[in-house]
PDB file of N, CA and C in Angstrom:
ATOM      1  N   UNK A   1       1.045  -1.101   0.059  1.00  0.00           N
ATOM      2  CA  UNK A   1       0.010   0.051   0.221  1.00  0.00           C
ATOM      3  C   UNK A   1       0.139   1.191   0.130  1.00  0.00           C
ATOM      4  N   UNK A   2       1.871   1.443   0.944  1.00  0.00           N
ATOM      5  CA  UNK A   2       2.924   2.654   1.044  1.00  0.00           C
ATOM      6  C   UNK A   2       2.969   2.312  -0.545  1.00  0.00           C
ATOM      7  N   UNK A   3       3.738   1.712  -1.405  1.00  0.00           N
ATOM      8  CA  UNK A   3       4.512   1.511  -2.206  1.00  0.00           C
ATOM      9  C   UNK A   3       3.561   2.613  -3.587  1.00  0.00           C
ATOM     10  N   UNK A   4       2.242   1.802  -3.350  1.00  0.00           N
ATOM     11  CA  UNK A   4       1.625   2.564  -4.420  1.00  0.00           C
ATOM     12  C   UNK A   4       1.499   4.182  -4.282  1.00  0.00           C
ATOM     13  N   UNK A   5       0.610   4.651  -2.910  1.00  0.00           N
ATOM     14  CA  UNK A   5       0.841   5.671  -2.790  1.00  0.00           C
ATOM     15  C   UNK A   5       1.849   6.681  -2.708  1.00  0.00           C
ATOM     16  N   UNK A   6       3.286   6.244  -2.778  1.00  0.00           N
ATOM     17  CA  UNK A   6       4.473   6.694  -2.754  1.00  0.00           C
ATOM     18  C   UNK A   6       4.395   7.107  -4.606  1.00  0.00           C
ATOM     19  N   UNK A   7       3.991   5.537  -5.275  1.00  0.00           N
ATOM     20  CA  UNK A   7       4.424   5.724  -6.828  1.00  0.00           C
ATOM     21  C   UNK A   7       3.312   7.134  -7.015  1.00  0.00           C
ATOM     22  N   UNK A   8       2.325   6.911  -6.225  1.00  0.00           N
ATOM     23  CA  UNK A   8       0.751   8.210  -6.851  1.00  0.00           C
ATOM     24  C   UNK A   8       1.403   9.636  -6.458  1.00  0.00           C
ATOM     25  N   UNK A   9       2.271   9.760  -5.170  1.00  0.00           N
ATOM     26  CA  UNK A   9       2.512  11.146  -4.721  1.00  0.00           C
ATOM     27  C   UNK A   9       3.573  11.729  -6.071  1.00  0.00           C
ATOM     28  N   UNK A  10       5.013  10.723  -6.222  1.00  0.00           N
ATOM     29  CA  UNK A  10       5.871  10.895  -7.204  1.00  0.00           C
ATOM     30  C   UNK A  10       4.922  11.119  -8.933  1.00  0.00           C
ATOM     31  N   UNK A  11       4.315  10.323  -9.056  1.00  0.00           N
ATOM     32  CA  UNK A  11       3.789  10.777 -10.823  1.00  0.00           C
ATOM     33  C   UNK A  11       3.154  11.884 -10.213  1.00  0.00           C
ATOM     34  N   UNK A  12       2.452  12.531  -9.283  1.00  0.00           N
ATOM     35  CA  UNK A  12       1.662  13.949  -8.984  1.00  0.00           C
ATOM     36  C   UNK A  12       2.690  14.722  -9.445  1.00  0.00           C
ATOM     37  N   UNK A  13       3.579  14.577  -8.273  1.00  0.00           N
ATOM     38  CA  UNK A  13       4.530  15.805  -8.013  1.00  0.00           C
ATOM     39  C   UNK A  13       5.577  16.029  -9.886  1.00  0.00           C
ATOM     40  N   UNK A  14       5.587  15.078 -10.364  1.00  0.00           N
ATOM     41  CA  UNK A  14       6.285  15.122 -11.682  1.00  0.00           C
ATOM     42  C   UNK A  14       5.427  15.671 -12.532  1.00  0.00           C
ATOM     43  N   UNK A  15       3.984  15.754 -12.652  1.00  0.00           N
ATOM     44  CA  UNK A  15       2.646  16.423 -13.684  1.00  0.00           C
ATOM     45  C   UNK A  15       2.784  17.592 -13.275  1.00  0.00           C
ATOM     46  N   UNK A  16       2.833  17.748 -11.499  1.00  0.00           N
ATOM     47  CA  UNK A  16       2.810  19.609 -11.234  1.00  0.00           C
ATOM     48  C   UNK A  16       4.449  19.637 -12.407  1.00  0.00           C
ATOM     49  N   UNK A  17       5.237  19.592 -12.029  1.00  0.00           N
ATOM     50  CA  UNK A  17       7.083  20.137 -12.269  1.00  0.00           C
ATOM     51  C   UNK A  17       6.682  20.323 -13.655  1.00  0.00           C
ATOM     52  N   UNK A  18       6.043  19.212 -14.434  1.00  0.00           N
ATOM     53  CA  UNK A  18       6.216  19.530 -15.920  1.00  0.00           C
ATOM     54  C   UNK A  18       5.422  20.526 -16.580  1.00  0.00           C
ATOM     55  N   UNK A  19       4.320  21.216 -15.726  1.00  0.00           N
ATOM     56  CA  UNK A  19       3.508  21.704 -16.579  1.00  0.00           C
ATOM     57  C   UNK A  19       3.924  23.108 -17.505  1.00  0.00           C
ATOM     58  N   UNK A  20       5.202  24.149 -16.520  1.00  0.00           N
ATOM     59  CA  UNK A  20       5.548  24.900 -17.234  1.00  0.00           C
ATOM     60  C   UNK A  20       6.639  24.274 -18.637  1.00  0.00           C
ATOM     61  N   UNK A  21       7.164  23.278 -18.306  1.00  0.00           N
ATOM     62  CA  UNK A  21       7.790  22.799 -19.644  1.00  0.00           C
ATOM     63  C   UNK A  21       6.944  22.428 -20.827  1.00  0.00           C
ATOM     64  N   UNK A  22       5.627  22.133 -20.640  1.00  0.00           N
ATOM     65  CA  UNK A  22       4.698  22.103 -21.959  1.00  0.00           C
ATOM     66  C   UNK A  22       4.204  23.803 -22.301  1.00  0.00           C
ATOM     67  N   UNK A  23       4.808  24.718 -21.336  1.00  0.00           N
ATOM     68  CA  UNK A  23       4.028  25.962 -21.778  1.00  0.00           C
ATOM     69  C   UNK A  23       4.058  26.237 -23.182  1.00  0.00           C
ATOM     70  N   UNK A  24       3.432  27.051 -24.098  1.00  0.00           N
ATOM     71  CA  UNK A  24       3.776  27.582 -25.473  1.00  0.00           C
ATOM     72  C   UNK A  24       3.739  28.799 -25.470  1.00  0.00           C
ATOM     73  N   UNK A  25       4.294  29.439 -26.554  1.00  0.00           N
ATOM     74  CA  UNK A  25       4.598  30.763 -26.302  1.00  0.00           C
ATOM     75  C   UNK A  25       3.493  31.253 -27.843  1.00  0.00           C
ATOM     76  N   UNK A  26       3.408  32.388 -27.420  1.00  0.00           N
ATOM     77  CA  UNK A  26       1.768  32.905 -28.374  1.00  0.00           C
ATOM     78  C   UNK A  26       1.945  32.564 -29.801  1.00  0.00           C
ATOM     79  N   UNK A  27       2.668  32.847 -30.407  1.00  0.00           N
ATOM     80  CA  UNK A  27       3.329  32.059 -32.052  1.00  0.00           C
ATOM     81  C   UNK A  27       3.129  30.325 -31.617  1.00  0.00           C
ATOM     82  N   UNK A  28       3.552  30.245 -30.994  1.00  0.00           N
ATOM     83  CA  UNK A  28       3.008  28.194 -30.549  1.00  0.00           C
ATOM     84  C   UNK A  28       1.674  28.027 -30.645  1.00  0.00           C
ATOM     85  N   UNK A  29       0.984  29.043 -30.041  1.00  0.00           N
ATOM     86  CA  UNK A  29      -0.509  28.731 -29.677  1.00  0.00           C
ATOM     87  C   UNK A  29      -1.581  29.030 -30.883  1.00  0.00           C
ATOM     88  N   UNK A  30      -0.971  29.864 -32.077  1.00  0.00           N
ATOM     89  CA  UNK A  30      -1.564  30.064 -33.280  1.00  0.00           C
ATOM     90  C   UNK A  30      -1.018  29.428 -34.251  1.00  0.00           C
ATOM     91  N   UNK A  31      -0.647  28.024 -34.450  1.00  0.00           N
ATOM     92  CA  UNK A  31      -0.195  27.035 -35.271  1.00  0.00           C
ATOM     93  C   UNK A  31      -0.883  26.665 -36.202  1.00  0.00           C
ATOM     94  N   UNK A  32      -0.793  26.660 -37.315  1.00  0.00           N
ATOM     95  CA  UNK A  32      -1.645  26.183 -38.544  1.00  0.00           C
ATOM     96  C   UNK A  32      -2.161  24.205 -38.112  1.00  0.00           C
ATOM     97  N   UNK A  33      -1.515  23.654 -37.289  1.00  0.00           N
ATOM     98  CA  UNK A  33      -1.846  22.349 -36.842  1.00  0.00           C
ATOM     99  C   UNK A  33      -3.030  22.438 -36.351  1.00  0.00           C
ATOM    100  N   UNK A  34      -4.101  21.802 -36.758  1.00  0.00           N
ATOM    101  CA  UNK A  34      -5.526  21.782 -36.037  1.00  0.00           C
ATOM    102  C   UNK A  34      -5.547  20.693 -35.332  1.00  0.00           C
ATOM    103  N   UNK A  35      -5.168  19.950 -34.435  1.00  0.00           N
ATOM    104  CA  UNK A  35      -5.132  19.064 -33.612  1.00  0.00           C
ATOM    105  C   UNK A  35      -6.612  18.565 -32.860  1.00  0.00           C
ATOM    106  N   UNK A  36      -7.414  19.579 -32.691  1.00  0.00           N
ATOM    107  CA  UNK A  36      -8.727  19.326 -32.360  1.00  0.00           C
ATOM    108  C   UNK A  36      -9.603  17.836 -32.842  1.00  0.00           C
ATOM    109  N   UNK A  37      -9.598  18.113 -34.485  1.00  0.00           N
ATOM    110  CA  UNK A  37      -9.682  16.957 -35.448  1.00  0.00           C
ATOM    111  C   UNK A  37      -9.395  15.664 -34.925  1.00  0.00           C
ATOM    112  N   UNK A  38      -7.816  15.312 -34.631  1.00  0.00           N
ATOM    113  CA  UNK A  38      -7.589  13.826 -34.315  1.00  0.00           C
ATOM    114  C   UNK A  38      -7.671  13.697 -32.983  1.00  0.00           C
ATOM    115  N   UNK A  39      -7.889  14.580 -32.372  1.00  0.00           N
ATOM    116  CA  UNK A  39      -8.386  13.956 -30.942  1.00  0.00           C
ATOM    117  C   UNK A  39     -10.052  13.827 -30.719  1.00  0.00           C
ATOM    118  N   UNK A  40     -10.866  14.965 -31.573  1.00  0.00           N
ATOM    119  CA  UNK A  40     -12.044  14.399 -31.692  1.00  0.00           C
ATOM    120  C   UNK A  40     -12.157  12.702 -32.148  1.00  0.00           C
ATOM    121  N   UNK A  41     -11.543  12.581 -33.128  1.00  0.00           N
ATOM    122  CA  UNK A  41     -11.809  11.341 -33.531  1.00  0.00           C
ATOM    123  C   UNK A  41     -11.479   9.890 -32.348  1.00  0.00           C
ATOM    124  N   UNK A  42     -10.001  10.712 -31.474  1.00  0.00           N
ATOM    125  CA  UNK A  42      -9.888   9.461 -30.704  1.00  0.00           C
ATOM    126  C   UNK A  42     -10.922   9.766 -29.478  1.00  0.00           C
ATOM    127  N   UNK A  43     -11.385  10.809 -29.164  1.00  0.00           N
ATOM    128  CA  UNK A  43     -12.616  11.086 -28.648  1.00  0.00           C
ATOM    129  C   UNK A  43     -13.619   9.806 -28.228  1.00  0.00           C
ATOM    130  N   UNK A  44     -14.174  10.083 -29.770  1.00  0.00           N
ATOM    131  CA  UNK A  44     -15.083   9.551 -30.322  1.00  0.00           C
ATOM    132  C   UNK A  44     -15.002   8.135 -30.155  1.00  0.00           C
ATOM    133  N   UNK A  45     -13.798   7.593 -30.709  1.00  0.00           N
ATOM    134  CA  UNK A  45     -13.474   5.949 -31.086  1.00  0.00           C
ATOM    135  C   UNK A  45     -13.264   5.231 -29.606  1.00  0.00           C
ATOM    136  N   UNK A  46     -13.099   6.050 -28.699  1.00  0.00           N
ATOM    137  CA  UNK A  46     -13.247   5.359 -27.315  1.00  0.00           C
ATOM    138  C   UNK A  46     -13.871   5.083 -26.695  1.00  0.00           C
ATOM    139  N   UNK A  47     -14.847   6.548 -27.244  1.00  0.00           N
ATOM    140  CA  UNK A  47     -16.011   6.571 -25.945  1.00  0.00           C
ATOM    141  C   UNK A  47     -17.249   4.994 -27.110  1.00  0.00           C
ATOM    142  N   UNK A  48     -17.114   5.211 -28.341  1.00  0.00           N
ATOM    143  CA  UNK A  48     -17.810   3.902 -28.634  1.00  0.00           C
ATOM    144  C   UNK A  48     -17.193   2.809 -28.437  1.00  0.00           C
ATOM    145  N   UNK A  49     -15.750   2.576 -28.250  1.00  0.00           N
ATOM    146  CA  UNK A  49     -15.504   1.570 -27.980  1.00  0.00           C
ATOM    147  C   UNK A  49     -15.722   0.832 -27.014  1.00  0.00           C
ATOM    148  N   UNK A  50     -15.545   1.823 -25.426  1.00  0.00           N
ATOM    149  CA  UNK A  50     -16.155   1.507 -24.535  1.00  0.00           C
ATOM    150  C   UNK A  50     -17.709   1.191 -24.372  1.00  0.00           C
ATOM    151  N   UNK A  51     -18.371   2.217 -25.116  1.00  0.00           N
ATOM    152  CA  UNK A  51     -19.635   1.577 -25.178  1.00  0.00           C
ATOM    153  C   UNK A  51     -19.685   0.551 -25.152  1.00  0.00           C
ATOM    154  N   UNK A  52     -19.445  -0.237 -26.557  1.00  0.00           N
ATOM    155  CA  UNK A  52     -19.724  -1.098 -27.198  1.00  0.00           C
ATOM    156  C   UNK A  52     -19.348  -2.191 -26.291  1.00  0.00           C
ATOM    157  N   UNK A  53     -18.164  -2.251 -25.287  1.00  0.00           N
ATOM    158  CA  UNK A  53     -17.898  -3.025 -24.185  1.00  0.00           C
ATOM    159  C   UNK A  53     -19.380  -3.286 -23.299  1.00  0.00           C
ATOM    160  N   UNK A  54     -19.459  -2.267 -23.000  1.00  0.00           N
ATOM    161  CA  UNK A  54     -20.402  -1.856 -21.558  1.00  0.00           C
ATOM    162  C   UNK A  54     -22.197  -2.581 -22.289  1.00  0.00           C
ATOM    163  N   UNK A  55     -22.136  -2.335 -23.485  1.00  0.00           N
ATOM    164  CA  UNK A  55     -23.840  -3.098 -23.872  1.00  0.00           C
ATOM    165  C   UNK A  55     -23.367  -4.569 -23.800  1.00  0.00           C
ATOM    166  N   UNK A  56     -21.955  -5.055 -24.728  1.00  0.00           N
ATOM    167  CA  UNK A  56     -22.274  -6.061 -24.534  1.00  0.00           C
ATOM    168  C   UNK A  56     -21.920  -6.843 -23.159  1.00  0.00           C
ATOM    169  N   UNK A  57     -21.501  -6.139 -21.962  1.00  0.00           N
ATOM    170  CA  UNK A  57     -21.811  -7.111 -20.683  1.00  0.00           C
ATOM    171  C   UNK A  57     -23.390  -6.665 -20.481  1.00  0.00           C
ATOM    172  N   UNK A  58     -23.667  -5.900 -20.517  1.00  0.00           N
ATOM    173  CA  UNK A  58     -25.086  -5.610 -20.252  1.00  0.00           C
ATOM    174  C   UNK A  58     -26.180  -6.370 -20.633  1.00  0.00           C
ATOM    175  N   UNK A  59     -25.793  -6.862 -22.234  1.00  0.00           N
ATOM    176  CA  UNK A  59     -26.806  -7.902 -22.989  1.00  0.00           C
ATOM    177  C   UNK A  59     -26.225  -9.421 -22.500  1.00  0.00           C
ATOM    178  N   UNK A  60     -25.049  -9.682 -21.713  1.00  0.00           N
ATOM    179  CA  UNK A  60     -24.581 -10.603 -21.265  1.00  0.00           C
ATOM    180  C   UNK A  60     -25.201 -11.316 -20.416  1.00  0.00           C
ATOM    181  N   UNK A  61     -25.396 -10.096 -19.569  1.00  0.00           N
ATOM    182  CA  UNK A  61     -25.790 -10.362 -17.788  1.00  0.00           C
ATOM    183  C   UNK A  61     -27.253 -10.378 -17.827  1.00  0.00           C
ATOM    184  N   UNK A  62     -27.775  -9.726 -18.940  1.00  0.00           N
ATOM    185  CA  UNK A  62     -29.244  -9.981 -19.254  1.00  0.00           C
ATOM    186  C   UNK A  62     -29.862 -11.357 -19.821  1.00  0.00           C
ATOM    187  N   UNK A  63     -29.080 -12.020 -20.653  1.00  0.00           N
ATOM    188  CA  UNK A  63     -29.045 -12.943 -20.893  1.00  0.00           C
ATOM    189  C   UNK A  63     -28.961 -14.582 -19.497  1.00  0.00           C
ATOM    190  N   UNK A  64     -28.227 -14.114 -19.372  1.00  0.00           N
ATOM    191  CA  UNK A  64     -27.652 -15.089 -18.398  1.00  0.00           C
ATOM    192  C   UNK A  64     -28.752 -15.141 -16.930  1.00  0.00           C
ATOM    193  N   UNK A  65     -29.286 -14.064 -16.614  1.00  0.00           N
ATOM    194  CA  UNK A  65     -30.497 -13.258 -15.677  1.00  0.00           C
ATOM    195  C   UNK A  65     -31.899 -14.171 -16.244  1.00  0.00           C
ATOM    196  N   UNK A  66     -31.844 -13.564 -17.637  1.00  0.00           N
ATOM    197  CA  UNK A  66     -33.271 -14.795 -17.936  1.00  0.00           C
ATOM    198  C   UNK A  66     -32.931 -16.503 -17.987  1.00  0.00           C
ATOM    199  N   UNK A  67     -31.952 -16.746 -18.195  1.00  0.00           N
ATOM    200  CA  UNK A  67     -31.595 -18.279 -18.229  1.00  0.00           C
ATOM    201  C   UNK A  67     -32.240 -18.638 -16.968  1.00  0.00           C
ATOM    202  N   UNK A  68     -31.650 -17.882 -15.724  1.00  0.00           N
ATOM    203  CA  UNK A  68     -31.605 -18.355 -14.352  1.00  0.00           C
ATOM    204  C   UNK A  68     -33.242 -18.666 -13.903  1.00  0.00           C
ATOM    205  N   UNK A  69     -33.709 -17.361 -14.654  1.00  0.00           N
ATOM    206  CA  UNK A  69     -34.867 -17.131 -13.979  1.00  0.00           C
ATOM    207  C   UNK A  69     -35.901 -16.492 -15.255  1.00  0.00           C
ATOM    208  N   UNK A  70     -36.731 -17.021 -15.569  1.00  0.00           N
ATOM    209  CA  UNK A  70     -37.698 -16.427 -16.661  1.00  0.00           C
ATOM    210  C   UNK A  70     -38.758 -15.706 -16.825  1.00  0.00           C
ATOM    211  N   UNK A  71     -39.170 -16.273 -15.639  1.00  0.00           N
ATOM    212  CA  UNK A  71     -40.479 -15.904 -14.800  1.00  0.00           C
ATOM    213  C   UNK A  71     -39.630 -13.819 -14.775  1.00  0.00           C
ATOM    214  N   UNK A  72     -39.016 -13.387 -14.904  1.00  0.00           N
ATOM    215  CA  UNK A  72     -38.496 -12.121 -14.335  1.00  0.00           C
ATOM    216  C   UNK A  72     -38.503 -11.475 -15.620  1.00  0.00           C
ATOM    217  N   UNK A  73     -38.495 -12.124 -17.007  1.00  0.00           N
ATOM    218  CA  UNK A  73     -38.368 -11.512 -17.919  1.00  0.00           C
ATOM    219  C   UNK A  73     -38.507  -9.801 -17.980  1.00  0.00           C
ATOM    220  N   UNK A  74     -40.071  -9.631 -17.505  1.00  0.00           N
ATOM    221  CA  UNK A  74     -40.497  -8.189 -17.735  1.00  0.00           C
ATOM    222  C   UNK A  74     -39.446  -7.228 -17.303  1.00  0.00           C
ATOM    223  N   UNK A  75     -39.055  -7.336 -15.771  1.00  0.00           N
ATOM    224  CA  UNK A  75     -38.721  -6.131 -15.429  1.00  0.00           C
ATOM    225  C   UNK A  75     -36.796  -6.468 -15.601  1.00  0.00           C
ATOM    226  N   UNK A  76     -36.679  -7.485 -16.132  1.00  0.00           N
ATOM    227  CA  UNK A  76     -34.873  -7.505 -17.004  1.00  0.00           C
ATOM    228  C   UNK A  76     -35.201  -7.364 -18.319  1.00  0.00           C
ATOM    229  N   UNK A  77     -36.028  -7.261 -18.708  1.00  0.00           N
ATOM    230  CA  UNK A  77     -36.127  -6.446 -20.009  1.00  0.00           C
ATOM    231  C   UNK A  77     -35.922  -5.022 -20.247  1.00  0.00           C
ATOM    232  N   UNK A  78     -36.722  -4.336 -18.940  1.00  0.00           N
ATOM    233  CA  UNK A  78     -36.586  -3.106 -18.722  1.00  0.00           C
ATOM    234  C   UNK A  78     -36.011  -2.665 -18.506  1.00  0.00           C
ATOM    235  N   UNK A  79     -34.540  -3.022 -17.317  1.00  0.00           N
ATOM    236  CA  UNK A  79     -33.297  -2.706 -16.798  1.00  0.00           C
ATOM    237  C   UNK A  79     -32.474  -2.751 -17.963  1.00  0.00           C
ATOM    238  N   UNK A  80     -32.441  -4.030 -19.099  1.00  0.00           N
ATOM    239  CA  UNK A  80     -31.920  -3.746 -20.498  1.00  0.00           C
ATOM    240  C   UNK A  80     -32.018  -2.870 -21.036  1.00  0.00           C
ATOM    241  N   UNK A  81     -33.072  -2.643 -21.221  1.00  0.00           N
ATOM    242  CA  UNK A  81     -33.035  -1.222 -22.055  1.00  0.00           C
ATOM    243  C   UNK A  81     -32.867  -0.015 -21.759  1.00  0.00           C
ATOM    244  N   UNK A  82     -33.438   0.234 -20.712  1.00  0.00           N
ATOM    245  CA  UNK A  82     -32.883   1.440 -19.984  1.00  0.00           C
ATOM    246  C   UNK A  82     -31.144   1.531 -20.046  1.00  0.00           C
ATOM    247  N   UNK A  83     -30.591   0.463 -19.087  1.00  0.00           N
ATOM    248  CA  UNK A  83     -29.109   0.329 -19.357  1.00  0.00           C
ATOM    249  C   UNK A  83     -28.839   0.833 -20.689  1.00  0.00           C
ATOM    250  N   UNK A  84     -28.953   0.422 -21.752  1.00  0.00           N
ATOM    251  CA  UNK A  84     -28.587   0.251 -23.230  1.00  0.00           C
ATOM    252  C   UNK A  84     -28.359   1.521 -23.080  1.00  0.00           C
ATOM    253  N   UNK A  85     -29.985   2.173 -22.804  1.00  0.00           N
ATOM    254  CA  UNK A  85     -29.971   3.833 -23.437  1.00  0.00           C
ATOM    255  C   UNK A  85     -29.152   4.382 -22.797  1.00  0.00           C
ATOM    256  N   UNK A  86     -28.670   4.245 -21.414  1.00  0.00           N
ATOM    257  CA  UNK A  86     -28.089   4.988 -20.987  1.00  0.00           C
ATOM    258  C   UNK A  86     -26.641   4.978 -21.440  1.00  0.00           C
ATOM    259  N   UNK A  87     -26.235   3.673 -21.738  1.00  0.00           N
ATOM    260  CA  UNK A  87     -24.305   3.315 -22.522  1.00  0.00           C
ATOM    261  C   UNK A  87     -24.702   4.122 -23.608  1.00  0.00           C
ATOM    262  N   UNK A  88     -25.393   4.185 -24.853  1.00  0.00           N
ATOM    263  CA  UNK A  88     -25.270   5.077 -26.090  1.00  0.00           C
ATOM    264  C   UNK A  88     -25.519   6.736 -25.578  1.00  0.00           C
ATOM    265  N   UNK A  89     -26.373   7.378 -24.823  1.00  0.00           N
ATOM    266  CA  UNK A  89     -26.546   8.269 -24.284  1.00  0.00           C
ATOM    267  C   UNK A  89     -25.223   8.988 -24.392  1.00  0.00           C
ATOM    268  N   UNK A  90     -24.310   8.528 -23.544  1.00  0.00           N
ATOM    269  CA  UNK A  90     -22.956   8.734 -23.629  1.00  0.00           C
ATOM    270  C   UNK A  90     -22.121   9.045 -24.588  1.00  0.00           C
ATOM    271  N   UNK A  91     -22.304   8.315 -25.595  1.00  0.00           N
ATOM    272  CA  UNK A  91     -21.680   8.148 -26.382  1.00  0.00           C
ATOM    273  C   UNK A  91     -22.554   9.732 -27.781  1.00  0.00           C
ATOM    274  N   UNK A  92     -23.787   9.442 -27.548  1.00  0.00           N
ATOM    275  CA  UNK A  92     -23.926  10.952 -28.326  1.00  0.00           C
ATOM    276  C   UNK A  92     -23.883  12.066 -27.440  1.00  0.00           C
ATOM    277  N   UNK A  93     -23.023  11.755 -26.691  1.00  0.00           N
ATOM    278  CA  UNK A  93     -23.157  13.095 -25.507  1.00  0.00           C
ATOM    279  C   UNK A  93     -21.691  13.972 -25.626  1.00  0.00           C
ATOM    280  N   UNK A  94     -20.993  12.771 -26.531  1.00  0.00           N
ATOM    281  CA  UNK A  94     -19.623  13.028 -26.880  1.00  0.00           C
ATOM    282  C   UNK A  94     -19.348  13.358 -28.180  1.00  0.00           C
ATOM    283  N   UNK A  95     -20.286  12.707 -28.816  1.00  0.00           N
ATOM    284  CA  UNK A  95     -20.475  12.886 -30.499  1.00  0.00           C
ATOM    285  C   UNK A  95     -21.297  14.974 -30.360  1.00  0.00           C
ATOM    286  N   UNK A  96     -21.572  15.300 -29.358  1.00  0.00           N
ATOM    287  CA  UNK A  96     -22.531  16.207 -29.572  1.00  0.00           C
ATOM    288  C   UNK A  96     -21.409  17.413 -29.035  1.00  0.00           C
ATOM    289  N   UNK A  97     -20.400  16.882 -28.104  1.00  0.00           N
ATOM    290  CA  UNK A  97     -19.309  17.880 -27.672  1.00  0.00           C
ATOM    291  C   UNK A  97     -18.660  18.045 -28.736  1.00  0.00           C
ATOM    292  N   UNK A  98     -18.204  16.651 -29.365  1.00  0.00           N
ATOM    293  CA  UNK A  98     -17.119  16.627 -30.728  1.00  0.00           C
ATOM    294  C   UNK A  98     -17.884  17.697 -31.486  1.00  0.00           C
ATOM    295  N   UNK A  99     -18.736  17.747 -31.897  1.00  0.00           N
ATOM    296  CA  UNK A  99     -19.621  18.929 -32.983  1.00  0.00           C
ATOM    297  C   UNK A  99     -19.231  19.962 -32.418  1.00  0.00           C
ATOM    298  N   UNK A 100     -19.676  20.752 -30.947  1.00  0.00           N
ATOM    299  CA  UNK A 100     -19.247  21.783 -30.813  1.00  0.00           C
ATOM    300  C   UNK A 100     -18.497  22.454 -31.031  1.00  0.00           C
ATOM    301  N   UNK A 101     -17.414  21.602 -30.572  1.00  0.00           N
ATOM    302  CA  UNK A 101     -15.650  21.768 -30.186  1.00  0.00           C
ATOM    303  C   UNK A 101     -14.977  22.194 -31.308  1.00  0.00           C
ATOM    304  N   UNK A 102     -15.280  21.421 -32.512  1.00  0.00           N
ATOM    305  CA  UNK A 102     -14.945  21.187 -34.098  1.00  0.00           C
ATOM    306  C   UNK A 102     -15.559  22.542 -34.900  1.00  0.00           C
ATOM    307  N   UNK A 103     -16.511  22.561 -34.745  1.00  0.00           N
ATOM    308  CA  UNK A 103     -17.108  24.078 -35.140  1.00  0.00           C
ATOM    309  C   UNK A 103     -17.259  25.139 -34.748  1.00  0.00           C
TER     310      UNK A 103
END
Protein backbone atom coordinates (compact mmCIF):
# COMPACT_ATOMS: atom_id res chain seq x y z
CA UNK A 1 0.00 0.00 0.00
CA UNK A 2 2.82 2.35 0.88
CA UNK A 3 4.52 1.75 -2.46
CA UNK A 4 1.34 2.64 -4.34
CA UNK A 5 0.88 5.85 -2.37
CA UNK A 6 4.51 6.79 -2.96
CA UNK A 7 4.20 6.03 -6.68
CA UNK A 8 1.06 8.17 -6.94
CA UNK A 9 2.77 10.99 -5.07
CA UNK A 10 5.81 10.87 -7.38
CA UNK A 11 3.58 10.83 -10.47
CA UNK A 12 1.62 13.79 -9.13
CA UNK A 13 4.80 15.75 -8.48
CA UNK A 14 6.12 15.01 -11.98
CA UNK A 15 2.86 16.17 -13.52
CA UNK A 16 2.84 19.38 -11.45
CA UNK A 17 6.47 20.18 -12.21
CA UNK A 18 6.11 19.37 -15.92
CA UNK A 19 3.42 22.00 -16.55
CA UNK A 20 5.87 24.89 -17.19
CA UNK A 21 7.84 22.71 -19.59
CA UNK A 22 4.79 22.31 -21.81
CA UNK A 23 3.81 25.98 -21.76
CA UNK A 24 3.59 27.51 -25.23
CA UNK A 25 4.48 30.92 -26.49
CA UNK A 26 1.95 33.09 -28.27
CA UNK A 27 3.16 32.11 -31.75
CA UNK A 28 3.01 28.40 -30.93
CA UNK A 29 -0.56 28.75 -29.72
CA UNK A 30 -1.67 29.88 -33.18
CA UNK A 31 0.02 27.11 -35.15
CA UNK A 32 -1.74 25.96 -38.33
CA UNK A 33 -1.91 22.35 -37.11
CA UNK A 34 -5.46 21.53 -36.07
CA UNK A 35 -5.23 18.95 -33.33
CA UNK A 36 -8.90 19.30 -32.41
CA UNK A 37 -10.02 17.05 -35.26
CA UNK A 38 -7.50 14.35 -34.40
CA UNK A 39 -8.28 14.34 -30.70
CA UNK A 40 -12.00 14.41 -31.47
CA UNK A 41 -11.61 11.29 -33.56
CA UNK A 42 -9.79 9.53 -30.74
CA UNK A 43 -12.43 10.67 -28.25
CA UNK A 44 -15.35 9.30 -30.24
CA UNK A 45 -13.46 6.08 -30.96
CA UNK A 46 -12.73 5.61 -27.27
CA UNK A 47 -16.31 6.42 -26.27
CA UNK A 48 -17.80 4.09 -28.88
CA UNK A 49 -15.41 1.26 -28.07
CA UNK A 50 -16.02 1.41 -24.34
CA UNK A 51 -19.76 1.74 -24.89
CA UNK A 52 -19.70 -1.37 -27.09
CA UNK A 53 -17.94 -3.29 -24.33
CA UNK A 54 -20.47 -2.05 -21.80
CA UNK A 55 -23.39 -3.00 -24.02
CA UNK A 56 -21.92 -6.47 -24.47
CA UNK A 57 -21.66 -6.91 -20.71
CA UNK A 58 -25.22 -5.67 -20.21
CA UNK A 59 -26.59 -8.05 -22.84
CA UNK A 60 -24.59 -10.95 -21.40
CA UNK A 61 -25.86 -10.26 -17.89
CA UNK A 62 -29.45 -9.99 -19.15
CA UNK A 63 -29.20 -13.31 -20.99
CA UNK A 64 -27.73 -14.97 -17.91
CA UNK A 65 -30.49 -13.53 -15.72
CA UNK A 66 -33.16 -14.73 -18.14
CA UNK A 67 -31.60 -18.19 -18.14
CA UNK A 68 -31.73 -18.35 -14.35
CA UNK A 69 -35.22 -16.88 -13.91
CA UNK A 70 -37.36 -16.72 -17.06
CA UNK A 71 -40.37 -15.47 -15.09
CA UNK A 72 -38.59 -12.18 -14.39
CA UNK A 73 -38.48 -11.24 -18.07
CA UNK A 74 -40.42 -7.93 -17.86
CA UNK A 75 -38.19 -6.50 -15.14
CA UNK A 76 -35.00 -7.70 -16.80
CA UNK A 77 -36.12 -6.38 -20.17
CA UNK A 78 -36.87 -2.95 -18.70
CA UNK A 79 -33.49 -2.79 -16.96
CA UNK A 80 -31.77 -3.97 -20.16
CA UNK A 81 -33.38 -1.33 -22.35
CA UNK A 82 -32.75 1.46 -19.82
CA UNK A 83 -29.12 0.40 -19.39
CA UNK A 84 -28.50 0.26 -23.14
CA UNK A 85 -30.13 3.66 -23.61
CA UNK A 86 -27.97 5.23 -20.90
CA UNK A 87 -24.80 3.70 -22.34
CA UNK A 88 -25.64 4.88 -25.84
CA UNK A 89 -26.51 8.36 -24.58
CA UNK A 90 -22.93 8.77 -23.35
CA UNK A 91 -21.65 8.18 -26.88
CA UNK A 92 -24.17 10.65 -28.27
CA UNK A 93 -23.14 13.25 -25.67
CA UNK A 94 -19.52 12.76 -26.75
CA UNK A 95 -20.54 13.24 -30.38
CA UNK A 96 -22.43 16.45 -29.56
CA UNK A 97 -19.49 17.81 -27.56
CA UNK A 98 -17.17 17.07 -30.48
CA UNK A 99 -19.46 18.83 -32.95
CA UNK A 100 -19.63 21.88 -30.68
CA UNK A 101 -15.87 21.90 -30.13
CA UNK A 102 -14.86 21.43 -33.79
CA UNK A 103 -17.41 23.86 -35.23
